[in-house]
Amino acid sequence: MYTKNNFISLAMKCTIFITSGTAWLLTSPGASIPERLKYLVYFTNVSILVCFFLYGYITVESLVKFKQTDGYYYRSVKTAFLKGALLVMLVFTMLVFHFGLSMTEFAEQVNQNLMNRVVNILLHYAIPVLCVLDWVLFDRKGSFRLIYPIAWLIIPFVYFLLVMLRAEFGTLIPHTESRFPYFFFDIDDLGFADVLAYALWFAIAFMVMGYIVVLVDKIMEKHSLKLAKKDL
């Protein structure tokens, strides 16, 4: 199942590219690039930056094909692995924030004023929903393999390792009194055993989310094939 309106597809990709870049800039207005990089300790910011660069590539590729073929561009499967990983990252971030962090002190910090609330909505809701819609409406289905969710596990494992290394050798996170971005990674408060348990549960949840995405992809592929047969 996918829509063959190339103009709307291109507009959607441009919107995601611009929105993700804008959201990234608004997370710390006026900050220098080195200062912005300090905020990559947050998984949300990592996801949005990946979204910005990946959709930048996809948008340029789409524009080139759009011009070369007089309005038609192919739906590339070259980026399927990366786009699937991004989908899982964004949806996972949205769900963890909504059900795990939205009622905590962390949410109070990111909703201190109107601008922060707008950025929060962009980061945790608008961009994930836009990317899911782009995939559902415009991507060729059946591009995700069953091995992908296991391969995508490298993302939470590398992120966890970098967070721990930064906490050990770095300073406090800007505008906080902690070395850790989230309470469930705070070894000082919880101890290493509990933090490791949280990390393992999140890795399992991340993999399950990946298989849900692959399953939906397969279901929509079958639905698309049925519709194609009916049109013959």
Protein backbone atom coordinates (compact mmCIF):
# COMPACT_ATOMS: atom_id res chain seq x y z
CA MET A 1 0.00 0.00 0.00
CA TYR A 2 1.42 3.32 -1.06
CA THR A 3 0.16 6.47 -2.73
CA LYS A 4 1.55 7.37 -6.14
CA ASN A 5 1.13 11.14 -5.82
CA ASN A 6 4.75 12.15 -6.29
CA PHE A 7 4.22 15.84 -5.61
CA ILE A 8 2.62 15.22 -2.20
CA SER A 9 5.31 12.66 -1.40
CA LEU A 10 8.03 15.18 -2.21
CA ALA A 11 6.25 17.86 -0.19
CA MET A 12 6.04 15.51 2.80
CA LYS A 13 9.75 14.72 2.67
CA CYS A 14 10.66 18.40 2.40
CA THR A 15 8.39 19.16 5.36
CA ILE A 16 10.05 16.50 7.51
CA PHE A 17 13.52 17.69 6.51
CA ILE A 18 12.75 21.33 7.33
CA THR A 19 10.80 20.55 10.50
CA SER A 20 13.51 18.29 11.94
CA GLY A 21 16.20 20.89 11.22
CA THR A 22 14.10 23.65 12.76
CA ALA A 23 13.34 21.57 15.85
CA TRP A 24 17.04 20.79 16.27
CA LEU A 25 17.94 24.49 16.09
CA LEU A 26 15.20 25.44 18.55
CA THR A 27 16.36 22.95 21.19
CA SER A 28 19.09 25.42 22.16
CA PRO A 29 18.56 28.79 20.39
CA GLY A 30 21.72 30.84 19.97
CA ALA A 31 24.03 28.01 21.05
CA SER A 32 27.22 27.29 19.14
CA ILE A 33 27.72 23.96 17.37
CA PRO A 34 29.98 22.57 20.16
CA GLU A 35 27.33 23.53 22.72
CA ARG A 36 24.60 21.86 20.64
CA LEU A 37 26.60 18.65 20.44
CA LYS A 38 26.45 18.39 24.23
CA TYR A 39 22.69 17.84 23.94
CA LEU A 40 23.21 14.71 21.86
CA VAL A 41 23.30 12.92 25.20
CA TYR A 42 19.49 12.85 24.84
CA PHE A 43 18.17 10.06 22.63
CA THR A 44 15.45 12.35 21.25
CA ASN A 45 18.05 14.77 19.93
CA VAL A 46 20.04 11.94 18.37
CA SER A 47 16.87 10.68 16.63
CA ILE A 48 15.99 14.14 15.30
CA LEU A 49 19.50 14.76 13.99
CA VAL A 50 19.48 11.37 12.23
CA CYS A 51 16.07 12.31 10.81
CA PHE A 52 17.43 15.63 9.52
CA PHE A 53 20.40 14.10 7.69
CA LEU A 54 18.54 11.05 6.36
CA TYR A 55 15.61 13.08 5.06
CA GLY A 56 18.04 15.61 3.65
CA TYR A 57 19.51 12.82 1.52
CA ILE A 58 16.06 11.41 0.66
CA THR A 59 14.75 14.86 -0.29
CA VAL A 60 17.71 15.61 -2.58
CA GLU A 61 17.46 12.15 -4.17
CA SER A 62 13.73 12.63 -4.72
CA LEU A 63 14.21 16.09 -6.25
CA VAL A 64 16.85 14.78 -8.66
CA LYS A 65 14.66 11.89 -9.81
CA PHE A 66 11.64 14.16 -9.97
CA LYS A 67 13.42 16.49 -12.41
CA GLN A 68 15.13 13.77 -14.43
CA THR A 69 11.92 11.87 -15.14
CA ASP A 70 9.53 14.79 -15.71
CA GLY A 71 7.68 14.49 -12.43
CA TYR A 72 8.21 10.83 -11.60
CA TYR A 73 10.79 9.54 -9.18
CA TYR A 74 11.28 5.99 -8.01
CA ARG A 75 10.77 5.01 -4.38
CA SER A 76 14.29 3.92 -3.51
CA VAL A 77 14.79 0.85 -1.36
CA LYS A 78 18.45 1.80 -0.80
CA THR A 79 17.53 3.68 2.36
CA ALA A 80 15.02 1.08 3.64
CA PHE A 81 17.31 -0.22 6.40
CA LEU A 82 18.14 3.28 7.67
CA LYS A 83 14.59 4.54 7.34
CA GLY A 84 13.26 1.54 9.26
CA ALA A 85 15.81 2.19 12.01
CA LEU A 86 14.75 5.84 12.13
CA LEU A 87 11.07 4.88 12.37
CA VAL A 88 11.77 2.65 15.35
CA MET A 89 13.89 5.33 17.01
CA LEU A 90 11.23 8.02 16.61
CA VAL A 91 8.23 5.90 17.62
CA PHE A 92 10.17 4.44 20.54
CA THR A 93 11.13 7.95 21.68
CA MET A 94 7.53 9.14 21.40
CA LEU A 95 6.16 6.23 23.43
CA VAL A 96 8.84 6.40 26.14
CA PHE A 97 8.31 10.13 26.54
CA HIS A 98 4.51 9.95 26.52
CA PHE A 99 4.12 7.00 28.87
CA GLY A 100 7.35 7.17 30.86
CA LEU A 101 8.59 10.76 31.07
CA SER A 102 5.67 13.11 30.40
CA MET A 103 4.56 13.11 34.05
CA THR A 104 8.05 13.39 35.57
CA GLU A 105 10.34 16.27 36.49
CA PHE A 106 12.01 15.79 33.10
CA ALA A 107 8.80 16.90 31.33
CA GLU A 108 8.54 19.94 33.58
CA GLN A 109 12.03 20.98 32.49
CA VAL A 110 11.21 20.75 28.78
CA ASN A 111 7.88 22.58 29.17
CA GLN A 112 9.09 25.64 31.04
CA ASN A 113 7.71 28.15 28.51
CA LEU A 114 5.68 28.32 25.32
CA MET A 115 8.67 27.93 23.01
CA ASN A 116 9.83 24.84 24.89
CA ARG A 117 6.33 23.35 24.68
CA VAL A 118 6.26 23.89 20.91
CA VAL A 119 9.70 22.30 20.50
CA ASN A 120 8.64 19.43 22.75
CA ILE A 121 5.58 18.75 20.58
CA LEU A 122 7.71 18.87 17.42
CA LEU A 123 10.35 16.53 18.82
CA HIS A 124 8.19 13.94 20.55
CA TYR A 125 4.98 13.93 18.51
CA ALA A 126 4.87 15.88 15.24
CA ILE A 127 8.07 14.58 13.61
CA PRO A 128 7.50 10.92 14.58
CA VAL A 129 3.92 11.05 13.26
CA LEU A 130 5.02 12.74 10.01
CA CYS A 131 7.70 10.08 9.43
CA VAL A 132 5.23 7.26 10.08
CA LEU A 133 2.75 8.83 7.64
CA ASP A 134 5.48 9.25 5.01
CA TRP A 135 6.35 5.57 5.32
CA VAL A 136 2.74 4.35 5.32
CA LEU A 137 1.59 6.52 2.43
CA PHE A 138 4.56 6.72 0.09
CA ASP A 139 7.10 3.93 0.64
CA ARG A 140 7.11 0.68 -1.27
CA LYS A 141 6.25 -2.06 1.22
CA GLY A 142 8.11 -5.32 1.71
CA SER A 143 11.53 -3.67 1.98
CA PHE A 144 12.19 -4.65 5.60
CA ARG A 145 13.83 -8.00 6.33
CA LEU A 146 13.29 -10.12 9.44
CA ILE A 147 16.92 -9.67 10.45
CA TYR A 148 16.63 -5.89 10.54
CA PRO A 149 15.24 -5.51 14.12
CA ILE A 150 18.19 -7.49 15.48
CA ALA A 151 20.63 -5.34 13.50
CA TRP A 152 18.85 -2.18 14.70
CA LEU A 153 19.72 -3.18 18.29
CA ILE A 154 23.15 -1.69 17.69
CA ILE A 155 21.49 1.73 18.14
CA PRO A 156 20.38 1.43 21.81
CA PHE A 157 23.53 -0.50 22.75
CA VAL A 158 25.89 2.11 21.27
CA TYR A 159 23.81 4.92 22.76
CA PHE A 160 23.91 3.34 26.24
CA LEU A 161 27.66 2.80 25.99
CA LEU A 162 28.27 6.42 24.95
CA VAL A 163 26.04 7.74 27.75
CA MET A 164 27.98 5.73 30.32
CA LEU A 165 31.35 6.82 28.91
CA ARG A 166 30.29 10.46 28.87
CA ALA A 167 29.06 10.21 32.46
CA GLU A 168 32.35 8.67 33.55
CA PHE A 169 34.71 11.07 31.79
CA GLY A 170 32.53 14.13 31.09
CA THR A 171 30.91 16.88 33.13
CA LEU A 172 27.35 17.53 34.23
CA ILE A 173 24.76 17.80 31.46
CA PRO A 174 24.05 21.49 30.68
CA HIS A 175 21.26 23.02 32.77
CA THR A 176 21.02 19.93 34.98
CA GLU A 177 22.63 18.63 38.16
CA SER A 178 23.22 15.15 36.81
CA ARG A 179 25.76 13.29 34.70
CA PHE A 180 22.93 11.25 33.14
CA PRO A 181 20.20 12.31 30.68
CA TYR A 182 17.41 10.20 32.21
CA PHE A 183 16.59 8.98 35.71
CA PHE A 184 16.66 5.32 34.60
CA PHE A 185 20.32 5.69 33.57
CA ASP A 186 21.40 7.37 36.81
CA ILE A 187 23.92 4.96 38.32
CA ASP A 188 24.56 7.38 41.19
CA ASP A 189 20.94 7.04 42.30
CA LEU A 190 19.90 3.54 41.18
CA GLY A 191 23.14 1.59 41.09
CA PHE A 192 24.65 -0.21 38.10
CA ALA A 193 22.54 -3.38 38.41
CA ASP A 194 19.22 -1.52 38.19
CA VAL A 195 20.44 0.71 35.37
CA LEU A 196 21.62 -2.34 33.42
CA ALA A 197 18.21 -3.95 33.95
CA TYR A 198 16.52 -0.81 32.58
CA ALA A 199 18.88 -0.84 29.58
CA LEU A 200 18.12 -4.49 28.81
CA TRP A 201 14.37 -3.92 29.05
CA PHE A 202 14.63 -0.94 26.74
CA ALA A 203 16.69 -2.98 24.27
CA ILE A 204 14.05 -5.73 24.29
CA ALA A 205 11.28 -3.14 23.81
CA PHE A 206 13.28 -1.57 20.97
CA MET A 207 13.59 -4.94 19.23
CA VAL A 208 9.88 -5.68 19.73
CA MET A 209 9.05 -2.29 18.21
CA GLY A 210 11.27 -3.17 15.28
CA TYR A 211 9.44 -6.44 14.67
CA ILE A 212 6.09 -4.63 14.89
CA VAL A 213 7.28 -2.28 12.14
CA VAL A 214 8.45 -5.23 10.01
CA LEU A 215 5.14 -7.05 10.60
CA VAL A 216 3.10 -4.00 9.56
CA ASP A 217 5.34 -3.66 6.51
CA LYS A 218 4.62 -7.28 5.50
CA ILE A 219 0.88 -6.90 6.08
CA MET A 220 0.71 -3.75 3.95
CA GLU A 221 2.79 -5.45 1.24
CA LYS A 222 0.22 -8.27 1.02
CA HIS A 223 -2.59 -5.73 0.94
CA SER A 224 -0.87 -3.86 -1.89
CA LEU A 225 -0.43 -7.07 -3.90
CA LYS A 226 -4.13 -7.90 -3.48
CA LEU A 227 -5.12 -4.45 -4.71
CA ALA A 228 -2.74 -4.76 -7.67
CA LYS A 229 -4.32 -8.11 -8.67
CA LYS A 230 -7.79 -6.58 -8.52
CA ASP A 231 -6.68 -3.80 -10.86
CA LEU A 232 -5.47 -6.29 -13.49
